[in-house]
Amino acid sequence: MFAIDPTLTHVAARREQVVAVIESVNQPNVAIPGKPPQGAQAFVCGVRNANATFSIFVYFLLSQGREPVVYAYDQSQFPLQGYRDAEAEALQFVESMGFMMENVNFRNQPPAQQDEIMQRIPAFAPPAPTAPAAAAEGTPGAADQDRLALARLLSAF
């Protein structure tokens, strides 16, 4: 089972620790507790810990404000034998919300490609600080943000 971990804003892992990265190819509207329903991207990230155990996280990047929400598996660390079951449960969790997921085959990529994947995927970086929307002149309004979200959704196909 997965639950929001309010202490996490990203998956803090080095390239060598990453076991799997599975990303959404669509951005359905989701209802995250305490947040308004909105489009989101989803990432399932499997990590090998320093003590030879494994952890798995589900990272959502919400479209409004590009806010991250990280869900952690209820068993924070588990042995290799439990990894496949945890990964399958993570996929079932996100697919039940309407996400279509694609494995990027992270471990099969050369190190340079792995670095590029980790730079591209927001789950591995702390969120950028956001300025208040009203503070910056020329900040896109809600209609502009809706158009941008639609453009991102359509570009995913």
Protein backbone atom coordinates (compact mmCIF):
# COMPACT_ATOMS: atom_id res chain seq x y z
CA MET A 1 0.00 0.00 0.00
CA PHE A 2 1.17 3.53 -0.77
CA ALA A 3 0.69 6.66 1.32
CA ILE A 4 1.80 10.27 0.90
CA ASP A 5 5.10 10.97 2.63
CA PRO A 6 4.96 14.69 3.44
CA THR A 7 8.69 14.70 4.27
CA LEU A 8 9.65 13.89 0.67
CA THR A 9 9.72 16.31 -2.25
CA HIS A 10 11.72 14.06 -4.56
CA VAL A 11 13.49 10.72 -4.73
CA ALA A 12 17.02 11.33 -3.44
CA ALA A 13 19.07 8.68 -5.24
CA ARG A 14 22.29 8.48 -7.18
CA ARG A 15 22.33 6.88 -10.62
CA GLU A 16 23.95 3.73 -9.23
CA GLN A 17 21.06 3.24 -6.79
CA VAL A 18 18.23 3.48 -9.31
CA VAL A 19 16.75 0.10 -10.15
CA ALA A 20 13.79 1.14 -12.28
CA VAL A 21 12.05 4.21 -13.69
CA ILE A 22 8.57 3.87 -15.09
CA GLU A 23 6.92 7.05 -16.36
CA SER A 24 3.42 8.00 -17.42
CA VAL A 25 2.76 8.67 -21.07
CA ASN A 26 -0.42 10.59 -20.29
CA GLN A 27 -1.57 13.19 -17.76
CA PRO A 28 -5.01 12.29 -16.43
CA ASN A 29 -6.80 14.38 -13.83
CA VAL A 30 -6.19 13.01 -10.36
CA ALA A 31 -7.57 13.82 -6.94
CA ILE A 32 -4.69 13.88 -4.46
CA PRO A 33 -5.87 14.33 -0.84
CA GLY A 34 -5.74 18.00 0.12
CA LYS A 35 -5.23 19.19 -3.49
CA PRO A 36 -7.76 20.24 -6.13
CA PRO A 37 -8.30 17.71 -8.94
CA GLN A 38 -5.82 18.40 -11.71
CA GLY A 39 -3.67 16.86 -14.38
CA ALA A 40 -0.48 15.15 -13.29
CA GLN A 41 2.50 13.15 -14.47
CA ALA A 42 3.40 9.97 -12.60
CA PHE A 43 6.71 8.20 -12.08
CA VAL A 44 7.42 4.91 -10.32
CA CYS A 45 10.99 4.85 -9.03
CA GLY A 46 12.70 1.79 -7.58
CA VAL A 47 15.85 2.33 -5.53
CA ARG A 48 18.50 0.04 -4.04
CA ASN A 49 19.51 1.29 -0.58
CA ALA A 50 23.01 1.26 0.93
CA ASN A 51 22.07 -1.64 3.23
CA ALA A 52 21.16 -3.87 0.23
CA THR A 53 17.41 -3.39 0.73
CA PHE A 54 15.05 -1.79 -1.77
CA SER A 55 12.52 1.04 -1.67
CA ILE A 56 9.88 2.11 -4.15
CA PHE A 57 8.23 5.48 -4.60
CA VAL A 58 5.40 6.91 -6.67
CA TYR A 59 6.08 10.52 -7.62
CA PHE A 60 3.36 12.78 -8.98
CA LEU A 61 4.06 16.17 -10.55
CA LEU A 62 0.83 18.15 -10.36
CA SER A 63 0.19 20.50 -13.26
CA GLN A 64 -0.99 23.44 -11.14
CA GLY A 65 2.15 25.03 -9.78
CA ARG A 66 4.25 22.01 -10.79
CA GLU A 67 3.89 20.74 -7.23
CA PRO A 68 5.41 17.35 -6.36
CA VAL A 69 3.64 14.74 -4.24
CA VAL A 70 5.58 11.63 -3.25
CA TYR A 71 3.94 8.40 -2.13
CA ALA A 72 6.08 5.82 -0.34
CA TYR A 73 5.44 2.11 -0.02
CA ASP A 74 4.17 1.20 3.46
CA GLN A 75 7.23 -0.98 4.02
CA SER A 76 9.97 1.61 3.50
CA GLN A 77 12.73 -0.96 2.94
CA PHE A 78 12.35 -4.56 1.86
CA PRO A 79 14.54 -7.39 0.53
CA LEU A 80 15.08 -8.15 -3.15
CA GLN A 81 12.47 -10.94 -3.01
CA GLY A 82 9.76 -8.35 -2.33
CA TYR A 83 10.80 -5.86 -4.99
CA ARG A 84 8.78 -7.23 -7.93
CA ASP A 85 5.61 -7.41 -5.84
CA ALA A 86 6.11 -3.81 -4.62
CA GLU A 87 6.74 -2.61 -8.17
CA ALA A 88 3.61 -4.41 -9.43
CA GLU A 89 1.59 -2.82 -6.63
CA ALA A 90 2.96 0.63 -7.54
CA LEU A 91 1.95 0.11 -11.17
CA GLN A 92 -1.50 -1.07 -10.17
CA PHE A 93 -1.84 2.01 -7.93
CA VAL A 94 -1.05 4.53 -10.70
CA GLU A 95 -2.89 2.64 -13.43
CA SER A 96 -6.02 2.59 -11.25
CA MET A 97 -5.89 6.41 -11.40
CA GLY A 98 -5.88 6.34 -15.21
CA PHE A 99 -2.14 6.57 -15.92
CA MET A 100 -0.63 4.62 -18.80
CA MET A 101 2.91 3.71 -17.81
CA GLU A 102 6.05 2.97 -19.81
CA ASN A 103 9.26 1.45 -18.46
CA VAL A 104 12.32 3.43 -19.60
CA ASN A 105 14.55 0.35 -19.02
CA PHE A 106 16.89 2.44 -16.90
CA ARG A 107 19.34 -0.34 -15.96
CA ASN A 108 19.77 -1.37 -19.61
CA GLN A 109 20.89 2.12 -20.68
CA PRO A 110 24.55 3.21 -20.81
CA PRO A 111 25.64 5.50 -17.92
CA ALA A 112 25.48 8.66 -20.05
CA GLN A 113 21.88 7.87 -21.05
CA GLN A 114 21.01 7.10 -17.42
CA ASP A 115 22.34 10.54 -16.42
CA GLU A 116 20.17 12.15 -19.11
CA ILE A 117 17.10 10.28 -17.88
CA MET A 118 17.72 11.40 -14.31
CA GLN A 119 18.12 15.02 -15.43
CA ARG A 120 14.93 14.85 -17.53
CA ILE A 121 12.72 13.25 -14.91
CA PRO A 122 11.63 15.67 -12.17
CA ALA A 123 11.32 12.91 -9.56
CA PHE A 124 15.07 12.98 -8.93
CA ALA A 125 15.51 16.73 -8.36
CA PRO A 126 14.30 18.95 -5.52
CA PRO A 127 11.46 21.20 -6.67
CA ALA A 128 12.45 24.63 -7.89
CA PRO A 129 11.36 27.44 -5.59
CA THR A 130 8.21 29.09 -6.85
CA ALA A 131 7.43 32.78 -6.71
CA PRO A 132 3.91 33.91 -5.81
CA ALA A 133 1.83 34.12 -8.98
CA ALA A 134 0.72 37.68 -8.36
CA ALA A 135 4.25 38.92 -7.67
CA ALA A 136 5.62 38.59 -11.18
CA GLU A 137 4.24 40.79 -13.90
CA GLY A 138 3.37 38.88 -17.04
CA THR A 139 2.73 35.64 -15.17
CA PRO A 140 0.39 33.43 -17.20
CA GLY A 141 -3.20 33.54 -16.03
CA ALA A 142 -5.39 30.52 -15.39
CA ALA A 143 -6.53 30.40 -19.01
CA ASP A 144 -2.93 30.43 -20.22
CA GLN A 145 -2.04 27.67 -17.76
CA ASP A 146 -4.97 25.59 -19.00
CA ARG A 147 -3.77 26.04 -22.59
CA LEU A 148 -0.24 25.05 -21.60
CA ALA A 149 -1.52 21.97 -19.80
CA LEU A 150 -3.57 21.01 -22.86
CA ALA A 151 -0.55 21.55 -25.11
CA ARG A 152 1.58 19.34 -22.87
CA LEU A 153 -1.10 16.66 -22.85
CA LEU A 154 -1.46 16.71 -26.63
CA SER A 155 2.30 16.68 -27.16
CA ALA A 156 2.48 13.45 -25.16
CA PHE A 157 0.75 11.68 -28.03
